[in-house]
């Protein structure tokens, strides 16, 4: 009677492990690079002050006598403006 092996041979197992590494390594690299790019973009926008809808810090900010919009920014801020015809989704 012939014996049937259910597992992969050592050579086949090595080939599969190599193929998995070749697929996983670029995927992880891409994800890390993408995360760094997002952090740099968001940091640059925060540094410039482009994102006026930052989460308010409760009780720390002084009142300047100026009314605030619903987002906590100054009246007429860009983030509360209606979307433009070009498709700006602000």
N, C-alpha and C. Protein backbone atom coordinates (compact mmCIF):
# COMPACT_ATOMS: atom_id res chain seq x y z
N UNK A 1 0.83 -1.16 0.00
CA UNK A 1 0.00 0.00 0.00
C UNK A 1 0.89 1.24 0.00
N UNK A 2 0.50 2.26 -0.79
CA UNK A 2 1.30 3.48 -0.94
C UNK A 2 0.97 4.46 0.18
N UNK A 3 1.98 5.18 0.62
CA UNK A 3 1.80 6.17 1.67
C UNK A 3 1.57 7.54 1.02
N UNK A 4 0.56 8.24 1.48
CA UNK A 4 0.24 9.57 0.95
C UNK A 4 0.66 10.62 1.98
N UNK A 5 1.47 11.56 1.53
CA UNK A 5 1.92 12.63 2.40
C UNK A 5 0.98 13.82 2.26
N UNK A 6 0.46 14.33 3.36
CA UNK A 6 -0.45 15.45 3.33
C UNK A 6 0.26 16.79 3.45
N UNK A 7 1.47 16.82 3.94
CA UNK A 7 2.20 18.06 4.10
C UNK A 7 3.07 18.36 2.89
N UNK A 8 3.56 19.57 2.83
CA UNK A 8 4.45 19.98 1.75
C UNK A 8 5.85 19.44 2.00
N UNK A 9 6.54 19.15 0.92
CA UNK A 9 7.92 18.70 1.05
C UNK A 9 8.78 19.87 1.53
N UNK A 10 9.94 19.60 2.09
CA UNK A 10 10.79 20.69 2.56
C UNK A 10 11.14 21.69 1.45
N UNK A 11 11.37 21.21 0.25
CA UNK A 11 11.69 22.11 -0.85
C UNK A 11 10.49 23.01 -1.17
N UNK A 12 9.33 22.42 -1.24
CA UNK A 12 8.11 23.18 -1.53
C UNK A 12 7.82 24.17 -0.40
N UNK A 13 8.02 23.77 0.81
CA UNK A 13 7.79 24.64 1.95
C UNK A 13 8.72 25.85 1.90
N UNK A 14 9.97 25.65 1.52
CA UNK A 14 10.93 26.74 1.39
C UNK A 14 10.50 27.70 0.28
N UNK A 15 10.04 27.16 -0.85
CA UNK A 15 9.58 28.00 -1.96
C UNK A 15 8.37 28.85 -1.56
N UNK A 16 7.44 28.24 -0.85
CA UNK A 16 6.25 28.98 -0.41
C UNK A 16 6.62 30.09 0.57
N UNK A 17 7.51 29.80 1.50
CA UNK A 17 7.95 30.81 2.46
C UNK A 17 8.62 31.98 1.75
N UNK A 18 9.43 31.71 0.73
CA UNK A 18 10.10 32.75 -0.03
C UNK A 18 9.07 33.61 -0.77
N UNK A 19 8.09 32.97 -1.38
CA UNK A 19 7.06 33.72 -2.11
C UNK A 19 6.24 34.60 -1.17
N UNK A 20 5.94 34.10 0.01
CA UNK A 20 5.19 34.89 0.98
C UNK A 20 6.00 36.10 1.41
N UNK A 21 7.29 35.90 1.68
CA UNK A 21 8.16 37.03 2.05
C UNK A 21 8.23 38.05 0.93
N UNK A 22 8.30 37.60 -0.32
CA UNK A 22 8.37 38.53 -1.45
C UNK A 22 7.07 39.32 -1.62
N UNK A 23 5.98 38.81 -1.15
CA UNK A 23 4.70 39.51 -1.22
C UNK A 23 4.49 40.42 -0.01
N UNK A 24 4.86 39.96 1.16
CA UNK A 24 4.59 40.70 2.38
C UNK A 24 5.55 41.88 2.56
N UNK A 25 6.81 41.72 2.25
CA UNK A 25 7.80 42.79 2.47
C UNK A 25 7.44 44.08 1.71
N UNK A 26 7.12 44.01 0.41
CA UNK A 26 6.74 45.26 -0.27
C UNK A 26 5.44 45.85 0.26
N UNK A 27 4.52 45.02 0.69
CA UNK A 27 3.26 45.52 1.23
C UNK A 27 3.50 46.31 2.51
N UNK A 28 4.31 45.77 3.40
CA UNK A 28 4.62 46.47 4.64
C UNK A 28 5.40 47.75 4.35
N UNK A 29 6.34 47.69 3.43
CA UNK A 29 7.12 48.87 3.06
C UNK A 29 6.21 49.97 2.53
N UNK A 30 5.28 49.61 1.65
CA UNK A 30 4.35 50.59 1.11
C UNK A 30 3.53 51.24 2.22
N UNK A 31 3.02 50.43 3.14
CA UNK A 31 2.20 50.96 4.23
C UNK A 31 2.99 51.92 5.11
N UNK A 32 4.24 51.60 5.39
CA UNK A 32 5.07 52.48 6.22
C UNK A 32 5.33 53.80 5.49
N UNK A 33 5.67 53.74 4.21
CA UNK A 33 5.93 54.95 3.43
C UNK A 33 4.67 55.81 3.34
N UNK A 34 3.52 55.17 3.13
CA UNK A 34 2.27 55.91 3.06
C UNK A 34 1.95 56.59 4.39
N UNK A 35 2.19 55.91 5.49
CA UNK A 35 1.94 56.50 6.81
C UNK A 35 2.85 57.71 7.05
N UNK A 36 4.10 57.60 6.66
CA UNK A 36 5.04 58.72 6.81
C UNK A 36 4.59 59.90 5.97
N UNK A 37 4.14 59.64 4.75
CA UNK A 37 3.68 60.71 3.87
C UNK A 37 2.45 61.41 4.46
N UNK A 38 1.53 60.66 5.03
CA UNK A 38 0.33 61.26 5.63
C UNK A 38 0.71 62.11 6.84
N UNK A 39 1.61 61.61 7.66
CA UNK A 39 2.04 62.36 8.84
C UNK A 39 2.72 63.66 8.41
N UNK A 40 3.56 63.60 7.39
CA UNK A 40 4.25 64.81 6.93
C UNK A 40 3.25 65.82 6.35
N UNK A 41 2.28 65.34 5.58
CA UNK A 41 1.28 66.22 4.99
C UNK A 41 0.45 66.89 6.07
N UNK A 42 -0.03 66.12 7.03
CA UNK A 42 -0.84 66.67 8.11
C UNK A 42 -0.02 67.63 8.98
N UNK A 43 1.22 67.28 9.23
CA UNK A 43 2.08 68.17 10.01
C UNK A 43 2.33 69.49 9.32
N UNK A 44 2.56 69.43 8.01
CA UNK A 44 2.78 70.65 7.22
C UNK A 44 1.53 71.52 7.24
N UNK A 45 0.34 70.91 7.10
CA UNK A 45 -0.90 71.68 7.13
C UNK A 45 -1.11 72.30 8.51
N UNK A 46 -0.80 71.57 9.56
CA UNK A 46 -0.95 72.10 10.91
C UNK A 46 0.03 73.24 11.16
N UNK A 47 1.24 73.11 10.66
CA UNK A 47 2.26 74.14 10.84
C UNK A 47 1.85 75.43 10.14
N UNK A 48 1.26 75.29 8.94
CA UNK A 48 0.81 76.46 8.18
C UNK A 48 -0.50 77.03 8.74
N UNK A 49 -1.22 76.23 9.49
CA UNK A 49 -2.52 76.66 9.99
C UNK A 49 -3.64 76.41 9.01
N UNK A 50 -3.43 75.51 8.06
CA UNK A 50 -4.45 75.23 7.05
C UNK A 50 -5.65 74.50 7.63
N UNK A 51 -5.46 73.74 8.66
CA UNK A 51 -6.58 72.98 9.22
C UNK A 51 -7.10 73.70 10.45
N UNK A 52 -8.05 74.59 10.24
CA UNK A 52 -8.54 75.42 11.34
C UNK A 52 -9.48 74.67 12.26
N UNK A 53 -9.93 73.50 11.87
CA UNK A 53 -10.88 72.75 12.70
C UNK A 53 -10.18 71.77 13.61
N UNK A 54 -9.15 72.20 14.27
CA UNK A 54 -8.48 71.33 15.24
C UNK A 54 -9.41 71.14 16.43
N UNK A 55 -9.27 70.04 17.09
CA UNK A 55 -10.11 69.77 18.25
C UNK A 55 -9.84 70.81 19.33
N UNK A 56 -10.87 71.45 19.83
CA UNK A 56 -10.65 72.49 20.84
C UNK A 56 -10.16 71.88 22.15
N UNK A 57 -9.30 72.60 22.80
CA UNK A 57 -8.81 72.16 24.10
C UNK A 57 -9.69 72.81 25.14
N UNK A 58 -10.44 72.03 25.85
CA UNK A 58 -11.44 72.56 26.78
C UNK A 58 -10.84 73.33 27.94
N UNK A 59 -11.27 74.55 28.10
CA UNK A 59 -10.89 75.35 29.25
C UNK A 59 -9.54 76.01 29.16
N UNK A 60 -8.74 75.74 28.14
CA UNK A 60 -7.41 76.33 28.07
C UNK A 60 -7.44 77.64 27.31
N UNK A 61 -8.21 77.70 26.24
CA UNK A 61 -8.24 78.90 25.39
C UNK A 61 -8.95 80.04 26.12
N UNK A 62 -8.41 81.24 25.94
CA UNK A 62 -9.03 82.42 26.51
C UNK A 62 -10.13 82.89 25.58
N UNK A 63 -11.14 83.52 26.13
CA UNK A 63 -12.18 84.07 25.28
C UNK A 63 -11.73 85.44 24.82
N UNK A 64 -11.87 85.70 23.53
CA UNK A 64 -11.42 86.97 22.96
C UNK A 64 -12.60 87.90 22.70
N UNK A 65 -13.80 87.50 23.08
CA UNK A 65 -14.96 88.33 22.83
C UNK A 65 -15.51 88.14 21.43
N UNK A 66 -14.85 87.34 20.64
CA UNK A 66 -15.26 87.10 19.26
C UNK A 66 -16.12 85.85 19.23
N UNK A 67 -17.22 85.89 18.49
CA UNK A 67 -18.08 84.72 18.39
C UNK A 67 -17.39 83.64 17.59
N UNK A 68 -17.76 82.40 17.85
CA UNK A 68 -17.17 81.27 17.14
C UNK A 68 -18.23 80.56 16.33
N UNK A 69 -17.80 79.93 15.23
CA UNK A 69 -18.70 79.10 14.44
C UNK A 69 -18.93 77.79 15.18
N UNK A 70 -19.75 76.92 14.59
CA UNK A 70 -20.04 75.63 15.19
C UNK A 70 -18.83 74.75 15.35
N UNK A 71 -17.79 74.98 14.55
CA UNK A 71 -16.59 74.14 14.62
C UNK A 71 -15.60 74.64 15.68
N UNK A 72 -15.84 75.83 16.23
CA UNK A 72 -14.93 76.37 17.22
C UNK A 72 -13.92 77.34 16.64
N UNK A 73 -13.99 77.59 15.34
CA UNK A 73 -13.08 78.52 14.68
C UNK A 73 -13.67 79.93 14.71
N UNK A 74 -12.93 80.86 14.18
CA UNK A 74 -13.42 82.22 14.04
C UNK A 74 -14.53 82.26 12.99
N UNK A 75 -15.40 83.24 13.05
CA UNK A 75 -16.47 83.34 12.06
C UNK A 75 -15.92 83.44 10.63
N UNK A 76 -16.54 82.71 9.72
CA UNK A 76 -16.15 82.78 8.31
C UNK A 76 -14.93 81.94 7.97
N UNK A 77 -14.58 80.97 8.80
CA UNK A 77 -13.40 80.15 8.50
C UNK A 77 -13.64 79.30 7.25
N UNK A 78 -12.58 78.86 6.62
CA UNK A 78 -12.68 78.11 5.37
C UNK A 78 -13.29 76.74 5.57
N UNK A 79 -13.16 76.17 6.75
CA UNK A 79 -13.66 74.81 6.93
C UNK A 79 -15.17 74.77 7.06
N UNK A 80 -15.79 75.89 7.41
CA UNK A 80 -17.25 75.93 7.54
C UNK A 80 -17.91 76.48 6.28
N UNK A 81 -17.11 76.91 5.32
CA UNK A 81 -17.67 77.48 4.09
C UNK A 81 -18.33 76.37 3.27
N UNK A 82 -19.36 76.70 2.52
CA UNK A 82 -20.00 75.68 1.68
C UNK A 82 -19.05 75.20 0.59
N UNK A 83 -19.30 74.01 0.08
CA UNK A 83 -18.47 73.43 -0.97
C UNK A 83 -18.55 74.28 -2.24
N UNK A 84 -17.43 74.39 -2.93
CA UNK A 84 -17.41 75.16 -4.17
C UNK A 84 -17.80 74.27 -5.35
N UNK A 85 -17.97 74.89 -6.49
CA UNK A 85 -18.39 74.13 -7.67
C UNK A 85 -17.34 73.15 -8.16
N UNK A 86 -16.07 73.38 -7.85
CA UNK A 86 -15.00 72.50 -8.30
C UNK A 86 -15.01 71.18 -7.56
N UNK A 87 -15.89 71.02 -6.58
CA UNK A 87 -15.96 69.76 -5.87
C UNK A 87 -15.20 69.75 -4.56
N UNK A 88 -14.88 70.93 -4.04
CA UNK A 88 -14.19 71.01 -2.76
C UNK A 88 -15.15 70.54 -1.68
N UNK A 89 -14.79 69.53 -0.96
CA UNK A 89 -15.68 68.91 0.01
C UNK A 89 -15.47 69.44 1.41
N UNK A 90 -15.18 70.72 1.57
CA UNK A 90 -14.96 71.26 2.91
C UNK A 90 -16.23 71.43 3.62
